[in-house]
């Protein structure tokens, strides 16, 4: 899989948990992910080509937990205070990065 399916957008107001795993060719998450207003937990696992998070992540105000596991570049970018993507997720109460826990 190189992109999340478009039909996911139909769950923007109801989806609470999203687990993205073993998508070796996934390079980017879509900008429309930021419209998932009910999302409380996002797990991204074994997506080595995923390099960054979408710009709109700050609008996911219901997001309480973000887990990034076995995604080396994304984990580096999400590090507290020093990663380029940290400002996008600094509002999330629990951020877990496998390489940095």
PDB file of N, CA and C in Angstrom:
ATOM      1  N   UNK A   1       0.848  -1.180   0.000  1.00  0.00           N
ATOM      2  CA  UNK A   1       0.000   0.000   0.000  1.00  0.00           C
ATOM      3  C   UNK A   1       0.891   1.240   0.000  1.00  0.00           C
ATOM      4  N   UNK A   2       0.625   2.142  -0.900  1.00  0.00           N
ATOM      5  CA  UNK A   2       1.408   3.369  -0.990  1.00  0.00           C
ATOM      6  C   UNK A   2       0.651   4.590  -0.470  1.00  0.00           C
ATOM      7  N   UNK A   3      -0.656   4.446  -0.225  1.00  0.00           N
ATOM      8  CA  UNK A   3      -1.470   5.544   0.298  1.00  0.00           C
ATOM      9  C   UNK A   3      -2.671   4.969   1.038  1.00  0.00           C
ATOM     10  N   UNK A   4      -3.194   5.725   1.980  1.00  0.00           N
ATOM     11  CA  UNK A   4      -4.410   5.290   2.660  1.00  0.00           C
ATOM     12  C   UNK A   4      -5.573   5.372   1.687  1.00  0.00           C
ATOM     13  N   UNK A   5      -6.499   4.423   1.755  1.00  0.00           N
ATOM     14  CA  UNK A   5      -7.634   4.430   0.822  1.00  0.00           C
ATOM     15  C   UNK A   5      -8.519   5.673   0.993  1.00  0.00           C
ATOM     16  N   UNK A   6      -8.979   6.184  -0.117  1.00  0.00           N
ATOM     17  CA  UNK A   6      -9.840   7.377  -0.110  1.00  0.00           C
ATOM     18  C   UNK A   6     -11.134   7.151   0.683  1.00  0.00           C
ATOM     19  N   UNK A   7     -11.661   5.923   0.675  1.00  0.00           N
ATOM     20  CA  UNK A   7     -12.929   5.662   1.348  1.00  0.00           C
ATOM     21  C   UNK A   7     -12.826   5.842   2.862  1.00  0.00           C
ATOM     22  N   UNK A   8     -11.603   5.891   3.398  1.00  0.00           N
ATOM     23  CA  UNK A   8     -11.413   6.174   4.829  1.00  0.00           C
ATOM     24  C   UNK A   8     -12.042   7.500   5.222  1.00  0.00           C
ATOM     25  N   UNK A   9     -12.091   8.428   4.291  1.00  0.00           N
ATOM     26  CA  UNK A   9     -12.607   9.764   4.591  1.00  0.00           C
ATOM     27  C   UNK A   9     -14.048   9.742   5.060  1.00  0.00           C
ATOM     28  N   UNK A  10     -14.764   8.668   4.751  1.00  0.00           N
ATOM     29  CA  UNK A  10     -16.151   8.549   5.197  1.00  0.00           C
ATOM     30  C   UNK A  10     -16.293   8.370   6.695  1.00  0.00           C
ATOM     31  N   UNK A  11     -15.203   8.104   7.387  1.00  0.00           N
ATOM     32  CA  UNK A  11     -15.247   7.875   8.836  1.00  0.00           C
ATOM     33  C   UNK A  11     -14.651   9.039   9.626  1.00  0.00           C
ATOM     34  N   UNK A  12     -14.560  10.201   9.024  1.00  0.00           N
ATOM     35  CA  UNK A  12     -13.878  11.322   9.668  1.00  0.00           C
ATOM     36  C   UNK A  12     -14.490  11.724  11.005  1.00  0.00           C
ATOM     37  N   UNK A  13     -15.790  11.555  11.188  1.00  0.00           N
ATOM     38  CA  UNK A  13     -16.430  11.982  12.435  1.00  0.00           C
ATOM     39  C   UNK A  13     -16.615  10.864  13.444  1.00  0.00           C
ATOM     40  N   UNK A  14     -16.290   9.625  13.064  1.00  0.00           N
ATOM     41  CA  UNK A  14     -16.565   8.506  13.961  1.00  0.00           C
ATOM     42  C   UNK A  14     -15.348   7.662  14.332  1.00  0.00           C
ATOM     43  N   UNK A  15     -14.338   7.598  13.495  1.00  0.00           N
ATOM     44  CA  UNK A  15     -13.185   6.745  13.753  1.00  0.00           C
ATOM     45  C   UNK A  15     -12.416   7.233  14.976  1.00  0.00           C
ATOM     46  N   UNK A  16     -12.214   6.333  15.947  1.00  0.00           N
ATOM     47  CA  UNK A  16     -11.523   6.711  17.176  1.00  0.00           C
ATOM     48  C   UNK A  16     -10.128   6.116  17.279  1.00  0.00           C
ATOM     49  N   UNK A  17      -9.891   4.990  16.610  1.00  0.00           N
ATOM     50  CA  UNK A  17      -8.603   4.299  16.699  1.00  0.00           C
ATOM     51  C   UNK A  17      -8.159   3.901  15.298  1.00  0.00           C
ATOM     52  N   UNK A  18      -6.939   4.256  14.947  1.00  0.00           N
ATOM     53  CA  UNK A  18      -6.406   3.905  13.638  1.00  0.00           C
ATOM     54  C   UNK A  18      -5.046   3.246  13.828  1.00  0.00           C
ATOM     55  N   UNK A  19      -4.908   2.042  13.307  1.00  0.00           N
ATOM     56  CA  UNK A  19      -3.675   1.270  13.395  1.00  0.00           C
ATOM     57  C   UNK A  19      -3.166   1.055  11.977  1.00  0.00           C
ATOM     58  N   UNK A  20      -2.039   1.644  11.663  1.00  0.00           N
ATOM     59  CA  UNK A  20      -1.424   1.511  10.344  1.00  0.00           C
ATOM     60  C   UNK A  20      -0.154   0.692  10.534  1.00  0.00           C
ATOM     61  N   UNK A  21      -0.107  -0.501   9.930  1.00  0.00           N
ATOM     62  CA  UNK A  21       1.009  -1.392  10.189  1.00  0.00           C
ATOM     63  C   UNK A  21       1.488  -2.093   8.918  1.00  0.00           C
ATOM     64  N   UNK A  22       2.806  -2.300   8.868  1.00  0.00           N
ATOM     65  CA  UNK A  22       3.444  -3.069   7.810  1.00  0.00           C
ATOM     66  C   UNK A  22       3.122  -2.560   6.403  1.00  0.00           C
ATOM     67  N   UNK A  23       3.119  -1.263   6.261  1.00  0.00           N
ATOM     68  CA  UNK A  23       2.910  -0.646   4.938  1.00  0.00           C
ATOM     69  C   UNK A  23       4.279  -0.161   4.459  1.00  0.00           C
ATOM     70  N   UNK A  24       5.059  -1.105   3.936  1.00  0.00           N
ATOM     71  CA  UNK A  24       6.445  -0.825   3.583  1.00  0.00           C
ATOM     72  C   UNK A  24       6.599   0.280   2.546  1.00  0.00           C
ATOM     73  N   UNK A  25       5.598   0.503   1.719  1.00  0.00           N
ATOM     74  CA  UNK A  25       5.704   1.501   0.654  1.00  0.00           C
ATOM     75  C   UNK A  25       4.957   2.799   0.948  1.00  0.00           C
ATOM     76  N   UNK A  26       4.395   2.916   2.126  1.00  0.00           N
ATOM     77  CA  UNK A  26       3.679   4.141   2.498  1.00  0.00           C
ATOM     78  C   UNK A  26       4.696   5.246   2.774  1.00  0.00           C
ATOM     79  N   UNK A  27       4.660   6.294   1.975  1.00  0.00           N
ATOM     80  CA  UNK A  27       5.622   7.381   2.098  1.00  0.00           C
ATOM     81  C   UNK A  27       5.058   8.616   2.774  1.00  0.00           C
ATOM     82  N   UNK A  28       3.731   8.761   2.760  1.00  0.00           N
ATOM     83  CA  UNK A  28       3.120   9.946   3.365  1.00  0.00           C
ATOM     84  C   UNK A  28       1.696   9.634   3.800  1.00  0.00           C
ATOM     85  N   UNK A  29       1.287  10.281   4.872  1.00  0.00           N
ATOM     86  CA  UNK A  29      -0.109  10.209   5.287  1.00  0.00           C
ATOM     87  C   UNK A  29      -0.836  11.363   4.615  1.00  0.00           C
ATOM     88  N   UNK A  30      -2.088  11.165   4.247  1.00  0.00           N
ATOM     89  CA  UNK A  30      -2.814  12.217   3.521  1.00  0.00           C
ATOM     90  C   UNK A  30      -3.149  13.407   4.419  1.00  0.00           C
ATOM     91  N   UNK A  31      -3.231  14.571   3.815  1.00  0.00           N
ATOM     92  CA  UNK A  31      -3.609  15.770   4.565  1.00  0.00           C
ATOM     93  C   UNK A  31      -4.993  15.647   5.178  1.00  0.00           C
ATOM     94  N   UNK A  32      -5.894  14.870   4.514  1.00  0.00           N
ATOM     95  CA  UNK A  32      -7.249  14.740   5.039  1.00  0.00           C
ATOM     96  C   UNK A  32      -7.300  13.958   6.345  1.00  0.00           C
ATOM     97  N   UNK A  33      -6.197  13.357   6.777  1.00  0.00           N
ATOM     98  CA  UNK A  33      -6.172  12.680   8.069  1.00  0.00           C
ATOM     99  C   UNK A  33      -6.490  13.667   9.196  1.00  0.00           C
ATOM    100  N   UNK A  34      -6.155  14.915   8.999  1.00  0.00           N
ATOM    101  CA  UNK A  34      -6.402  15.948  10.007  1.00  0.00           C
ATOM    102  C   UNK A  34      -7.887  16.204  10.240  1.00  0.00           C
ATOM    103  N   UNK A  35      -8.750  15.694   9.385  1.00  0.00           N
ATOM    104  CA  UNK A  35     -10.194  15.897   9.563  1.00  0.00           C
ATOM    105  C   UNK A  35     -10.838  14.812  10.431  1.00  0.00           C
ATOM    106  N   UNK A  36     -10.052  13.862  10.934  1.00  0.00           N
ATOM    107  CA  UNK A  36     -10.578  12.798  11.792  1.00  0.00           C
ATOM    108  C   UNK A  36     -10.736  13.329  13.212  1.00  0.00           C
ATOM    109  N   UNK A  37     -11.784  14.090  13.430  1.00  0.00           N
ATOM    110  CA  UNK A  37     -11.971  14.826  14.677  1.00  0.00           C
ATOM    111  C   UNK A  37     -12.227  13.942  15.894  1.00  0.00           C
ATOM    112  N   UNK A  38     -12.644  12.697  15.704  1.00  0.00           N
ATOM    113  CA  UNK A  38     -12.905  11.795  16.827  1.00  0.00           C
ATOM    114  C   UNK A  38     -11.723  10.886  17.150  1.00  0.00           C
ATOM    115  N   UNK A  39     -10.653  10.968  16.388  1.00  0.00           N
ATOM    116  CA  UNK A  39      -9.516  10.076  16.564  1.00  0.00           C
ATOM    117  C   UNK A  39      -8.850  10.323  17.917  1.00  0.00           C
ATOM    118  N   UNK A  40      -8.780   9.273  18.748  1.00  0.00           N
ATOM    119  CA  UNK A  40      -8.151   9.392  20.057  1.00  0.00           C
ATOM    120  C   UNK A  40      -6.818   8.656  20.123  1.00  0.00           C
ATOM    121  N   UNK A  41      -6.619   7.653  19.264  1.00  0.00           N
ATOM    122  CA  UNK A  41      -5.364   6.901  19.275  1.00  0.00           C
ATOM    123  C   UNK A  41      -4.939   6.587  17.852  1.00  0.00           C
ATOM    124  N   UNK A  42      -3.676   6.856  17.560  1.00  0.00           N
ATOM    125  CA  UNK A  42      -3.095   6.577  16.257  1.00  0.00           C
ATOM    126  C   UNK A  42      -1.810   5.779  16.471  1.00  0.00           C
ATOM    127  N   UNK A  43      -1.752   4.600  15.866  1.00  0.00           N
ATOM    128  CA  UNK A  43      -0.568   3.747  15.943  1.00  0.00           C
ATOM    129  C   UNK A  43      -0.015   3.575  14.531  1.00  0.00           C
ATOM    130  N   UNK A  44       1.261   3.860  14.378  1.00  0.00           N
ATOM    131  CA  UNK A  44       1.946   3.691  13.105  1.00  0.00           C
ATOM    132  C   UNK A  44       3.111   2.737  13.358  1.00  0.00           C
ATOM    133  N   UNK A  45       3.076   1.585  12.718  1.00  0.00           N
ATOM    134  CA  UNK A  45       4.020   0.518  13.021  1.00  0.00           C
ATOM    135  C   UNK A  45       4.607  -0.072  11.734  1.00  0.00           C
ATOM    136  N   UNK A  46       5.900  -0.193  11.698  1.00  0.00           N
ATOM    137  CA  UNK A  46       6.613  -0.827  10.590  1.00  0.00           C
ATOM    138  C   UNK A  46       6.303  -0.201   9.228  1.00  0.00           C
ATOM    139  N   UNK A  47       6.402   1.104   9.183  1.00  0.00           N
ATOM    140  CA  UNK A  47       6.232   1.850   7.928  1.00  0.00           C
ATOM    141  C   UNK A  47       7.533   2.623   7.700  1.00  0.00           C
ATOM    142  N   UNK A  48       8.573   1.910   7.297  1.00  0.00           N
ATOM    143  CA  UNK A  48       9.916   2.478   7.228  1.00  0.00           C
ATOM    144  C   UNK A  48      10.060   3.630   6.236  1.00  0.00           C
ATOM    145  N   UNK A  49       9.228   3.705   5.228  1.00  0.00           N
ATOM    146  CA  UNK A  49       9.347   4.788   4.239  1.00  0.00           C
ATOM    147  C   UNK A  49       8.546   6.036   4.616  1.00  0.00           C
ATOM    148  N   UNK A  50       7.776   5.948   5.690  1.00  0.00           N
ATOM    149  CA  UNK A  50       6.986   7.101   6.129  1.00  0.00           C
ATOM    150  C   UNK A  50       7.933   8.119   6.762  1.00  0.00           C
ATOM    151  N   UNK A  51       8.024   9.285   6.157  1.00  0.00           N
ATOM    152  CA  UNK A  51       9.040  10.254   6.542  1.00  0.00           C
ATOM    153  C   UNK A  51       8.545  11.398   7.403  1.00  0.00           C
ATOM    154  N   UNK A  52       7.238  11.680   7.380  1.00  0.00           N
ATOM    155  CA  UNK A  52       6.745  12.799   8.177  1.00  0.00           C
ATOM    156  C   UNK A  52       5.237  12.678   8.377  1.00  0.00           C
ATOM    157  N   UNK A  53       4.733  13.529   9.245  1.00  0.00           N
ATOM    158  CA  UNK A  53       3.300  13.587   9.518  1.00  0.00           C
ATOM    159  C   UNK A  53       2.685  14.740   8.733  1.00  0.00           C
ATOM    160  N   UNK A  54       1.388  14.669   8.443  1.00  0.00           N
ATOM    161  CA  UNK A  54       0.752  15.766   7.703  1.00  0.00           C
ATOM    162  C   UNK A  54       0.749  17.065   8.516  1.00  0.00           C
ATOM    163  N   UNK A  55       0.709  18.181   7.826  1.00  0.00           N
ATOM    164  CA  UNK A  55       0.736  19.488   8.472  1.00  0.00           C
ATOM    165  C   UNK A  55      -0.426  19.706   9.442  1.00  0.00           C
ATOM    166  N   UNK A  56      -1.586  19.145   9.154  1.00  0.00           N
ATOM    167  CA  UNK A  56      -2.778  19.414   9.950  1.00  0.00           C
ATOM    168  C   UNK A  56      -2.913  18.627  11.241  1.00  0.00           C
ATOM    169  N   UNK A  57      -1.879  17.945  11.674  1.00  0.00           N
ATOM    170  CA  UNK A  57      -1.970  17.109  12.875  1.00  0.00           C
ATOM    171  C   UNK A  57      -2.407  17.899  14.116  1.00  0.00           C
ATOM    172  N   UNK A  58      -2.101  19.162  14.181  1.00  0.00           N
ATOM    173  CA  UNK A  58      -2.483  19.980  15.345  1.00  0.00           C
ATOM    174  C   UNK A  58      -4.002  20.088  15.490  1.00  0.00           C
ATOM    175  N   UNK A  59      -4.724  19.894  14.396  1.00  0.00           N
ATOM    176  CA  UNK A  59      -6.188  19.992  14.478  1.00  0.00           C
ATOM    177  C   UNK A  59      -6.820  18.732  15.060  1.00  0.00           C
ATOM    178  N   UNK A  60      -6.023  17.690  15.301  1.00  0.00           N
ATOM    179  CA  UNK A  60      -6.551  16.462  15.925  1.00  0.00           C
ATOM    180  C   UNK A  60      -6.573  16.648  17.437  1.00  0.00           C
ATOM    181  N   UNK A  61      -7.477  17.483  17.903  1.00  0.00           N
ATOM    182  CA  UNK A  61      -7.510  17.842  19.321  1.00  0.00           C
ATOM    183  C   UNK A  61      -8.007  16.713  20.219  1.00  0.00           C
ATOM    184  N   UNK A  62      -8.670  15.712  19.667  1.00  0.00           N
ATOM    185  CA  UNK A  62      -9.118  14.560  20.457  1.00  0.00           C
ATOM    186  C   UNK A  62      -8.024  13.504  20.593  1.00  0.00           C
ATOM    187  N   UNK A  63      -6.940  13.643  19.843  1.00  0.00           N
ATOM    188  CA  UNK A  63      -5.873  12.637  19.861  1.00  0.00           C
ATOM    189  C   UNK A  63      -5.179  12.647  21.216  1.00  0.00           C
ATOM    190  N   UNK A  64      -5.254  11.518  21.921  1.00  0.00           N
ATOM    191  CA  UNK A  64      -4.659  11.389  23.250  1.00  0.00           C
ATOM    192  C   UNK A  64      -3.404  10.529  23.242  1.00  0.00           C
ATOM    193  N   UNK A  65      -3.263   9.689  22.216  1.00  0.00           N
ATOM    194  CA  UNK A  65      -2.107   8.804  22.181  1.00  0.00           C
ATOM    195  C   UNK A  65      -1.625   8.604  20.748  1.00  0.00           C
ATOM    196  N   UNK A  66      -0.324   8.758  20.570  1.00  0.00           N
ATOM    197  CA  UNK A  66       0.335   8.507  19.295  1.00  0.00           C
ATOM    198  C   UNK A  66       1.475   7.536  19.556  1.00  0.00           C
ATOM    199  N   UNK A  67       1.462   6.409  18.842  1.00  0.00           N
ATOM    200  CA  UNK A  67       2.517   5.412  18.962  1.00  0.00           C
ATOM    201  C   UNK A  67       3.178   5.267  17.595  1.00  0.00           C
ATOM    202  N   UNK A  68       4.487   5.439  17.559  1.00  0.00           N
ATOM    203  CA  UNK A  68       5.257   5.248  16.331  1.00  0.00           C
ATOM    204  C   UNK A  68       6.317   4.202  16.642  1.00  0.00           C
ATOM    205  N   UNK A  69       6.244   3.082  15.940  1.00  0.00           N
ATOM    206  CA  UNK A  69       7.139   1.959  16.219  1.00  0.00           C
ATOM    207  C   UNK A  69       7.755   1.436  14.927  1.00  0.00           C
ATOM    208  N   UNK A  70       9.038   1.290  14.920  1.00  0.00           N
ATOM    209  CA  UNK A  70       9.775   0.741  13.780  1.00  0.00           C
ATOM    210  C   UNK A  70       9.575   1.563  12.505  1.00  0.00           C
ATOM    211  N   UNK A  71       9.635   2.880  12.669  1.00  0.00           N
ATOM    212  CA  UNK A  71       9.591   3.842  11.563  1.00  0.00           C
ATOM    213  C   UNK A  71      10.722   4.843  11.835  1.00  0.00           C
ATOM    214  N   UNK A  72      11.955   4.459  11.560  1.00  0.00           N
ATOM    215  CA  UNK A  72      13.125   5.216  12.031  1.00  0.00           C
ATOM    216  C   UNK A  72      13.118   6.717  11.734  1.00  0.00           C
ATOM    217  N   UNK A  73      12.868   7.113  10.511  1.00  0.00           N
ATOM    218  CA  UNK A  73      12.910   8.536  10.180  1.00  0.00           C
ATOM    219  C   UNK A  73      11.766   9.293  10.842  1.00  0.00           C
ATOM    220  N   UNK A  74      10.580   8.711  10.837  1.00  0.00           N
ATOM    221  CA  UNK A  74       9.438   9.369  11.483  1.00  0.00           C
ATOM    222  C   UNK A  74       9.673   9.504  12.984  1.00  0.00           C
ATOM    223  N   UNK A  75      10.216   8.491  13.600  1.00  0.00           N
ATOM    224  CA  UNK A  75      10.523   8.549  15.030  1.00  0.00           C
ATOM    225  C   UNK A  75      11.515   9.675  15.319  1.00  0.00           C
ATOM    226  N   UNK A  76      12.525   9.803  14.481  1.00  0.00           N
ATOM    227  CA  UNK A  76      13.511  10.870  14.667  1.00  0.00           C
ATOM    228  C   UNK A  76      12.842  12.238  14.577  1.00  0.00           C
ATOM    229  N   UNK A  77      11.938  12.385  13.602  1.00  0.00           N
ATOM    230  CA  UNK A  77      11.266  13.672  13.385  1.00  0.00           C
ATOM    231  C   UNK A  77      10.267  14.015  14.482  1.00  0.00           C
ATOM    232  N   UNK A  78       9.803  13.004  15.233  1.00  0.00           N
ATOM    233  CA  UNK A  78       8.798  13.221  16.270  1.00  0.00           C
ATOM    234  C   UNK A  78       9.392  13.379  17.670  1.00  0.00           C
ATOM    235  N   UNK A  79      10.706  13.386  17.789  1.00  0.00           N
ATOM    236  CA  UNK A  79      11.341  13.509  19.097  1.00  0.00           C
ATOM    237  C   UNK A  79      10.946  14.822  19.777  1.00  0.00           C
ATOM    238  N   UNK A  80      10.718  14.724  21.056  1.00  0.00           N
ATOM    239  CA  UNK A  80      10.324  15.876  21.870  1.00  0.00           C
ATOM    240  C   UNK A  80      11.317  17.028  21.734  1.00  0.00           C
ATOM    241  N   UNK A  81      10.797  18.171  21.418  1.00  0.00           N
ATOM    242  CA  UNK A  81      11.523  19.440  21.354  1.00  0.00           C
ATOM    243  C   UNK A  81      12.548  19.575  20.222  1.00  0.00           C
ATOM    244  N   UNK A  82      13.065  18.475  19.659  1.00  0.00           N
ATOM    245  CA  UNK A  82      14.127  18.616  18.656  1.00  0.00           C
ATOM    246  C   UNK A  82      13.734  18.128  17.269  1.00  0.00           C
ATOM    247  N   UNK A  83      12.676  17.327  17.172  1.00  0.00           N
ATOM    248  CA  UNK A  83      12.271  16.795  15.876  1.00  0.00           C
ATOM    249  C   UNK A  83      11.454  17.791  15.072  1.00  0.00           C
ATOM    250  N   UNK A  84      11.604  17.749  13.756  1.00  0.00           N
ATOM    251  CA  UNK A  84      10.893  18.672  12.874  1.00  0.00           C
ATOM    252  C   UNK A  84       9.379  18.530  12.973  1.00  0.00           C
ATOM    253  N   UNK A  85       8.884  17.328  13.300  1.00  0.00           N
ATOM    254  CA  UNK A  85       7.440  17.114  13.400  1.00  0.00           C
ATOM    255  C   UNK A  85       6.907  17.298  14.817  1.00  0.00           C
ATOM    256  N   UNK A  86       7.775  17.547  15.792  1.00  0.00           N
ATOM    257  CA  UNK A  86       7.317  17.706  17.169  1.00  0.00           C
ATOM    258  C   UNK A  86       6.253  18.797  17.313  1.00  0.00           C
ATOM    259  N   UNK A  87       6.390  19.953  16.673  1.00  0.00           N
ATOM    260  CA  UNK A  87       5.341  20.965  16.821  1.00  0.00           C
ATOM    261  C   UNK A  87       3.955  20.482  16.363  1.00  0.00           C
ATOM    262  N   UNK A  88       3.914  19.530  15.452  1.00  0.00           N
ATOM    263  CA  UNK A  88       2.635  19.003  14.961  1.00  0.00           C
ATOM    264  C   UNK A  88       1.943  18.130  15.993  1.00  0.00           C
ATOM    265  N   UNK A  89       2.717  17.542  16.919  1.00  0.00           N
ATOM    266  CA  UNK A  89       2.148  16.575  17.863  1.00  0.00           C
ATOM    267  C   UNK A  89       2.364  16.951  19.325  1.00  0.00           C
ATOM    268  N   UNK A  90       2.913  18.102  19.593  1.00  0.00           N
ATOM    269  CA  UNK A  90       3.226  18.482  20.976  1.00  0.00           C
ATOM    270  C   UNK A  90       1.984  18.566  21.861  1.00  0.00           C
ATOM    271  N   UNK A  91       0.804  18.678  21.266  1.00  0.00           N
ATOM    272  CA  UNK A  91      -0.443  18.748  22.029  1.00  0.00           C
ATOM    273  C   UNK A  91      -0.946  17.372  22.470  1.00  0.00           C
ATOM    274  N   UNK A  92      -0.359  16.295  21.946  1.00  0.00           N
ATOM    275  CA  UNK A  92      -0.801  14.934  22.258  1.00  0.00           C
ATOM    276  C   UNK A  92      -0.222  14.539  23.623  1.00  0.00           C
ATOM    277  N   UNK A  93      -1.092  14.158  24.581  1.00  0.00           N
ATOM    278  CA  UNK A  93      -0.614  13.848  25.928  1.00  0.00           C
ATOM    279  C   UNK A  93       0.374  12.683  26.008  1.00  0.00           C
ATOM    280  N   UNK A  94       0.157  11.645  25.204  1.00  0.00           N
ATOM    281  CA  UNK A  94       1.048  10.485  25.280  1.00  0.00           C
ATOM    282  C   UNK A  94       1.607  10.167  23.893  1.00  0.00           C
ATOM    283  N   UNK A  95       2.903  10.405  23.721  1.00  0.00           N
ATOM    284  CA  UNK A  95       3.593  10.078  22.479  1.00  0.00           C
ATOM    285  C   UNK A  95       4.632   9.015  22.812  1.00  0.00           C
ATOM    286  N   UNK A  96       4.554   7.897  22.112  1.00  0.00           N
ATOM    287  CA  UNK A  96       5.482   6.793  22.338  1.00  0.00           C
ATOM    288  C   UNK A  96       6.241   6.503  21.045  1.00  0.00           C
ATOM    289  N   UNK A  97       7.561   6.604  21.128  1.00  0.00           N
ATOM    290  CA  UNK A  97       8.441   6.334  19.998  1.00  0.00           C
ATOM    291  C   UNK A  97       9.329   5.169  20.390  1.00  0.00           C
ATOM    292  N   UNK A  98       9.284   4.071  19.652  1.00  0.00           N
ATOM    293  CA  UNK A  98       9.976   2.851  20.070  1.00  0.00           C
ATOM    294  C   UNK A  98      11.469   3.051  20.289  1.00  0.00           C
ATOM    295  N   UNK A  99      12.112   3.836  19.464  1.00  0.00           N
ATOM    296  CA  UNK A  99      13.563   4.010  19.584  1.00  0.00           C
ATOM    297  C   UNK A  99      13.954   4.955  20.709  1.00  0.00           C
ATOM    298  N   UNK A 100      12.975   5.687  21.243  1.00  0.00           N
ATOM    299  CA  UNK A 100      13.311   6.739  22.197  1.00  0.00           C
ATOM    300  C   UNK A 100      12.600   6.591  23.531  1.00  0.00           C
ATOM    301  N   UNK A 101      11.886   5.485  23.742  1.00  0.00           N
ATOM    302  CA  UNK A 101      11.194   5.264  25.029  1.00  0.00           C
ATOM    303  C   UNK A 101      12.172   4.886  26.112  1.00  0.00           C
TER     304      UNK A 101
END
